[in-house]
């Protein structure tokens, strides 16, 4: 799973997208990438844990931003949000529950 989370966070700017580079920073309620990284560093003693923490915080902030936008637009009550995620590196290649089932 490359690139590492730190590289993914800081290897591009918030204006970079798969299609093009945006003309301006997107409007968002999310914390900055640096704020997220600083929070992960403060919360976790090792780089591996910091990268795990910042990944979770980024998803949490992104989902929060989507919910906040939908609320502001009056669309939240008529919107279904589905969040799917990878089961994580620890379970890859295993036939045990963590490696082969959809989380509920």
N, C-alpha and C. Protein backbone atom coordinates (compact mmCIF):
# COMPACT_ATOMS: atom_id res chain seq x y z
N UNK A 1 0.84 -1.18 0.00
CA UNK A 1 0.00 0.00 0.00
C UNK A 1 0.88 1.24 0.00
N UNK A 2 1.30 1.66 -1.13
CA UNK A 2 2.07 2.88 -1.23
C UNK A 2 1.27 3.91 -1.99
N UNK A 3 1.43 5.15 -1.84
CA UNK A 3 2.48 5.72 -0.99
C UNK A 3 2.08 5.69 0.47
N UNK A 4 3.06 5.92 1.32
CA UNK A 4 2.80 6.04 2.75
C UNK A 4 1.85 7.20 2.96
N UNK A 5 1.15 7.17 4.08
CA UNK A 5 0.15 8.20 4.37
C UNK A 5 0.77 9.59 4.38
N UNK A 6 1.94 9.73 5.00
CA UNK A 6 2.59 11.04 5.05
C UNK A 6 2.85 11.57 3.65
N UNK A 7 3.34 10.71 2.78
CA UNK A 7 3.62 11.10 1.39
C UNK A 7 2.33 11.48 0.67
N UNK A 8 1.26 10.71 0.92
CA UNK A 8 -0.02 11.01 0.29
C UNK A 8 -0.56 12.35 0.77
N UNK A 9 -0.36 12.67 2.05
CA UNK A 9 -0.84 13.94 2.59
C UNK A 9 -0.07 15.13 2.06
N UNK A 10 1.25 14.99 2.02
CA UNK A 10 2.09 16.16 1.72
C UNK A 10 2.77 16.12 0.36
N UNK A 11 2.56 15.06 -0.40
CA UNK A 11 3.15 14.96 -1.73
C UNK A 11 2.39 15.74 -2.79
N UNK A 12 1.18 16.14 -2.45
CA UNK A 12 0.32 16.92 -3.34
C UNK A 12 -0.28 18.06 -2.54
N UNK A 13 -0.85 19.02 -3.23
CA UNK A 13 -1.54 20.10 -2.55
C UNK A 13 -3.04 19.81 -2.54
N UNK A 14 -3.81 20.60 -1.81
CA UNK A 14 -5.26 20.42 -1.79
C UNK A 14 -5.88 20.77 -3.14
N UNK A 15 -5.13 21.41 -4.00
CA UNK A 15 -5.64 21.76 -5.34
C UNK A 15 -5.46 20.65 -6.36
N UNK A 16 -4.62 19.67 -6.06
CA UNK A 16 -4.36 18.58 -7.00
C UNK A 16 -5.51 17.59 -7.01
N UNK A 17 -6.01 17.27 -8.19
CA UNK A 17 -7.04 16.25 -8.36
C UNK A 17 -6.57 15.31 -9.46
N UNK A 18 -7.21 14.14 -9.62
CA UNK A 18 -6.82 13.25 -10.71
C UNK A 18 -7.01 13.88 -12.09
N UNK A 19 -7.96 14.80 -12.22
CA UNK A 19 -8.28 15.42 -13.50
C UNK A 19 -7.38 16.61 -13.83
N UNK A 20 -7.18 17.48 -12.83
CA UNK A 20 -6.46 18.72 -13.08
C UNK A 20 -6.08 19.36 -11.76
N UNK A 21 -5.45 20.52 -11.85
CA UNK A 21 -5.14 21.31 -10.67
C UNK A 21 -6.21 22.40 -10.57
N UNK A 22 -6.86 22.50 -9.41
CA UNK A 22 -7.89 23.51 -9.20
C UNK A 22 -7.27 24.91 -9.19
N UNK A 23 -8.06 25.90 -9.57
CA UNK A 23 -7.59 27.28 -9.59
C UNK A 23 -7.49 27.89 -8.19
N UNK A 24 -8.25 27.37 -7.24
CA UNK A 24 -8.25 27.89 -5.88
C UNK A 24 -8.40 26.74 -4.89
N UNK A 25 -8.05 26.99 -3.63
CA UNK A 25 -8.24 25.97 -2.60
C UNK A 25 -9.72 25.67 -2.47
N UNK A 26 -10.09 24.40 -2.30
CA UNK A 26 -11.50 24.07 -2.11
C UNK A 26 -11.99 24.62 -0.77
N UNK A 27 -13.26 24.98 -0.71
CA UNK A 27 -13.87 25.44 0.53
C UNK A 27 -14.23 24.20 1.33
N UNK A 28 -13.76 24.13 2.57
CA UNK A 28 -14.01 22.95 3.38
C UNK A 28 -14.02 23.31 4.86
N UNK A 29 -14.66 22.46 5.64
CA UNK A 29 -14.64 22.61 7.09
C UNK A 29 -13.61 21.66 7.72
N UNK A 30 -12.91 20.92 6.89
CA UNK A 30 -11.91 19.97 7.38
C UNK A 30 -10.69 20.70 7.95
N UNK A 31 -10.04 20.02 8.89
CA UNK A 31 -8.75 20.53 9.38
C UNK A 31 -7.74 20.45 8.24
N UNK A 32 -6.70 21.26 8.32
CA UNK A 32 -5.66 21.20 7.29
C UNK A 32 -4.89 19.89 7.44
N UNK A 33 -4.18 19.53 6.41
CA UNK A 33 -3.37 18.32 6.46
C UNK A 33 -2.33 18.41 7.57
N UNK A 34 -1.75 19.59 7.75
CA UNK A 34 -0.76 19.76 8.80
C UNK A 34 -1.40 19.62 10.18
N UNK A 35 -2.59 20.17 10.37
CA UNK A 35 -3.29 20.03 11.65
C UNK A 35 -3.60 18.57 11.95
N UNK A 36 -4.01 17.82 10.94
CA UNK A 36 -4.29 16.40 11.12
C UNK A 36 -3.02 15.64 11.50
N UNK A 37 -1.94 15.93 10.79
CA UNK A 37 -0.67 15.24 11.08
C UNK A 37 -0.19 15.58 12.48
N UNK A 38 -0.27 16.84 12.86
CA UNK A 38 0.16 17.25 14.20
C UNK A 38 -0.65 16.54 15.28
N UNK A 39 -1.95 16.38 15.07
CA UNK A 39 -2.81 15.68 16.03
C UNK A 39 -2.42 14.21 16.13
N UNK A 40 -2.09 13.59 15.00
CA UNK A 40 -1.68 12.19 15.00
C UNK A 40 -0.34 12.01 15.71
N UNK A 41 0.58 12.92 15.47
CA UNK A 41 1.89 12.85 16.13
C UNK A 41 1.73 12.99 17.64
N UNK A 42 0.83 13.88 18.06
CA UNK A 42 0.59 14.08 19.49
C UNK A 42 -0.08 12.87 20.13
N UNK A 43 -0.84 12.11 19.35
CA UNK A 43 -1.62 11.01 19.90
C UNK A 43 -0.91 9.66 19.84
N UNK A 44 0.07 9.51 18.98
CA UNK A 44 0.66 8.19 18.75
C UNK A 44 2.19 8.23 18.91
N UNK A 45 2.75 7.19 19.52
CA UNK A 45 4.19 7.19 19.79
C UNK A 45 5.09 6.76 18.62
N UNK A 46 4.53 6.08 17.62
CA UNK A 46 5.36 5.60 16.51
C UNK A 46 4.83 6.11 15.18
N UNK A 47 5.70 6.13 14.19
CA UNK A 47 5.31 6.59 12.86
C UNK A 47 4.19 5.73 12.28
N UNK A 48 4.27 4.41 12.47
CA UNK A 48 3.22 3.53 11.94
C UNK A 48 1.86 3.88 12.54
N UNK A 49 1.82 4.09 13.85
CA UNK A 49 0.56 4.46 14.49
C UNK A 49 0.11 5.86 14.08
N UNK A 50 1.05 6.76 13.91
CA UNK A 50 0.71 8.11 13.47
C UNK A 50 0.05 8.07 12.10
N UNK A 51 0.59 7.24 11.21
CA UNK A 51 0.01 7.13 9.87
C UNK A 51 -1.38 6.49 9.93
N UNK A 52 -1.57 5.53 10.81
CA UNK A 52 -2.90 4.93 10.98
C UNK A 52 -3.87 5.96 11.54
N UNK A 53 -3.47 6.66 12.59
CA UNK A 53 -4.33 7.66 13.22
C UNK A 53 -4.72 8.75 12.23
N UNK A 54 -3.75 9.28 11.48
CA UNK A 54 -4.06 10.39 10.58
C UNK A 54 -4.99 9.92 9.46
N UNK A 55 -4.86 8.67 9.04
CA UNK A 55 -5.77 8.14 8.02
C UNK A 55 -7.20 8.12 8.54
N UNK A 56 -7.37 7.66 9.77
CA UNK A 56 -8.71 7.61 10.36
C UNK A 56 -9.27 9.02 10.59
N UNK A 57 -8.43 9.92 11.07
CA UNK A 57 -8.88 11.29 11.30
C UNK A 57 -9.27 11.98 10.00
N UNK A 58 -8.53 11.70 8.92
CA UNK A 58 -8.82 12.31 7.62
C UNK A 58 -10.20 11.85 7.12
N UNK A 59 -10.46 10.55 7.22
CA UNK A 59 -11.76 10.03 6.78
C UNK A 59 -12.87 10.62 7.65
N UNK A 60 -12.65 10.68 8.96
CA UNK A 60 -13.64 11.23 9.87
C UNK A 60 -13.93 12.70 9.52
N UNK A 61 -12.90 13.48 9.30
CA UNK A 61 -13.09 14.89 8.93
C UNK A 61 -13.80 15.02 7.58
N UNK A 62 -13.43 14.18 6.62
CA UNK A 62 -14.05 14.26 5.29
C UNK A 62 -15.53 13.91 5.37
N UNK A 63 -15.86 12.86 6.11
CA UNK A 63 -17.27 12.50 6.26
C UNK A 63 -18.03 13.61 6.99
N UNK A 64 -17.41 14.19 8.00
CA UNK A 64 -18.03 15.30 8.71
C UNK A 64 -18.29 16.49 7.81
N UNK A 65 -17.36 16.76 6.90
CA UNK A 65 -17.54 17.86 5.95
C UNK A 65 -18.71 17.58 5.00
N UNK A 66 -18.84 16.34 4.56
CA UNK A 66 -19.96 15.96 3.68
C UNK A 66 -21.28 16.14 4.42
N UNK A 67 -21.35 15.64 5.65
CA UNK A 67 -22.58 15.76 6.45
C UNK A 67 -22.92 17.23 6.67
N UNK A 68 -21.92 18.02 7.01
CA UNK A 68 -22.16 19.45 7.25
C UNK A 68 -22.68 20.14 5.99
N UNK A 69 -22.11 19.79 4.83
CA UNK A 69 -22.58 20.37 3.57
C UNK A 69 -24.04 19.97 3.31
N UNK A 70 -24.34 18.70 3.47
CA UNK A 70 -25.70 18.22 3.22
C UNK A 70 -26.71 18.87 4.16
N UNK A 71 -26.32 19.04 5.43
CA UNK A 71 -27.20 19.74 6.38
C UNK A 71 -27.46 21.16 5.92
N UNK A 72 -26.40 21.87 5.55
CA UNK A 72 -26.53 23.26 5.11
C UNK A 72 -27.37 23.41 3.85
N UNK A 73 -27.32 22.40 2.99
CA UNK A 73 -28.08 22.44 1.74
C UNK A 73 -29.49 21.88 1.91
N UNK A 74 -29.84 21.45 3.13
CA UNK A 74 -31.16 20.88 3.38
C UNK A 74 -31.37 19.52 2.75
N UNK A 75 -30.28 18.79 2.51
CA UNK A 75 -30.37 17.51 1.81
C UNK A 75 -30.11 16.30 2.70
N UNK A 76 -29.70 16.52 3.93
CA UNK A 76 -29.28 15.40 4.77
C UNK A 76 -30.40 14.41 5.02
N UNK A 77 -31.61 14.89 5.30
CA UNK A 77 -32.72 13.99 5.62
C UNK A 77 -33.15 13.12 4.45
N UNK A 78 -32.80 13.51 3.24
CA UNK A 78 -33.19 12.71 2.07
C UNK A 78 -31.97 12.05 1.41
N UNK A 79 -30.89 11.92 2.17
CA UNK A 79 -29.66 11.35 1.63
C UNK A 79 -29.23 10.15 2.45
N UNK A 80 -28.84 9.08 1.77
CA UNK A 80 -28.27 7.91 2.43
C UNK A 80 -26.77 7.95 2.24
N UNK A 81 -26.03 7.88 3.32
CA UNK A 81 -24.58 7.86 3.26
C UNK A 81 -24.09 6.44 3.53
N UNK A 82 -23.26 5.92 2.65
CA UNK A 82 -22.65 4.61 2.82
C UNK A 82 -21.16 4.79 2.92
N UNK A 83 -20.56 4.18 3.90
CA UNK A 83 -19.12 4.28 4.08
C UNK A 83 -18.55 2.87 4.06
N UNK A 84 -17.70 2.60 3.10
CA UNK A 84 -17.04 1.30 2.99
C UNK A 84 -15.56 1.52 3.24
N UNK A 85 -14.92 0.51 3.81
CA UNK A 85 -13.50 0.65 4.07
C UNK A 85 -12.80 -0.68 3.90
N UNK A 86 -11.51 -0.59 3.70
CA UNK A 86 -10.65 -1.74 3.58
C UNK A 86 -10.51 -2.38 4.95
N UNK A 87 -10.36 -3.68 5.00
CA UNK A 87 -10.27 -4.37 6.28
C UNK A 87 -8.91 -4.23 6.93
N UNK A 88 -7.98 -3.61 6.28
CA UNK A 88 -6.68 -3.35 6.90
C UNK A 88 -5.64 -4.39 6.57
N UNK A 89 -4.40 -3.99 6.63
CA UNK A 89 -3.28 -4.81 6.24
C UNK A 89 -3.15 -6.07 7.11
N UNK A 90 -3.53 -5.98 8.38
CA UNK A 90 -3.37 -7.12 9.28
C UNK A 90 -4.20 -8.32 8.85
N UNK A 91 -5.28 -8.11 8.14
CA UNK A 91 -6.16 -9.21 7.76
C UNK A 91 -5.99 -9.64 6.31
N UNK A 92 -5.19 -8.96 5.55
CA UNK A 92 -5.05 -9.30 4.13
C UNK A 92 -4.51 -10.72 3.96
N UNK A 93 -5.09 -11.43 3.05
CA UNK A 93 -4.63 -12.77 2.74
C UNK A 93 -5.11 -13.85 3.69
N UNK A 94 -5.91 -13.48 4.66
CA UNK A 94 -6.42 -14.46 5.61
C UNK A 94 -7.84 -14.86 5.24
N UNK A 95 -8.17 -16.11 5.51
CA UNK A 95 -9.54 -16.57 5.29
C UNK A 95 -10.38 -16.46 6.55
N UNK A 96 -9.78 -15.94 7.61
CA UNK A 96 -10.50 -15.76 8.85
C UNK A 96 -11.42 -14.56 8.74
N UNK A 97 -12.28 -14.40 9.69
CA UNK A 97 -13.35 -13.40 9.63
C UNK A 97 -12.87 -12.01 9.23
N UNK A 98 -11.82 -11.51 9.83
CA UNK A 98 -11.36 -10.15 9.54
C UNK A 98 -10.92 -9.95 8.11
N UNK A 99 -10.52 -11.00 7.42
CA UNK A 99 -10.02 -10.86 6.07
C UNK A 99 -11.04 -11.08 4.98
N UNK A 100 -12.22 -11.56 5.31
CA UNK A 100 -13.13 -11.91 4.23
C UNK A 100 -14.57 -11.49 4.43
N UNK A 101 -14.89 -10.72 5.43
CA UNK A 101 -16.28 -10.34 5.59
C UNK A 101 -16.46 -8.84 5.49
N UNK A 102 -17.64 -8.44 5.15
CA UNK A 102 -17.96 -7.03 5.10
C UNK A 102 -18.33 -6.60 6.51
N UNK A 103 -17.70 -5.54 6.97
CA UNK A 103 -17.98 -5.05 8.32
C UNK A 103 -19.40 -4.52 8.40
N UNK A 104 -20.04 -4.67 9.53
CA UNK A 104 -21.42 -4.22 9.70
C UNK A 104 -21.52 -3.20 10.79
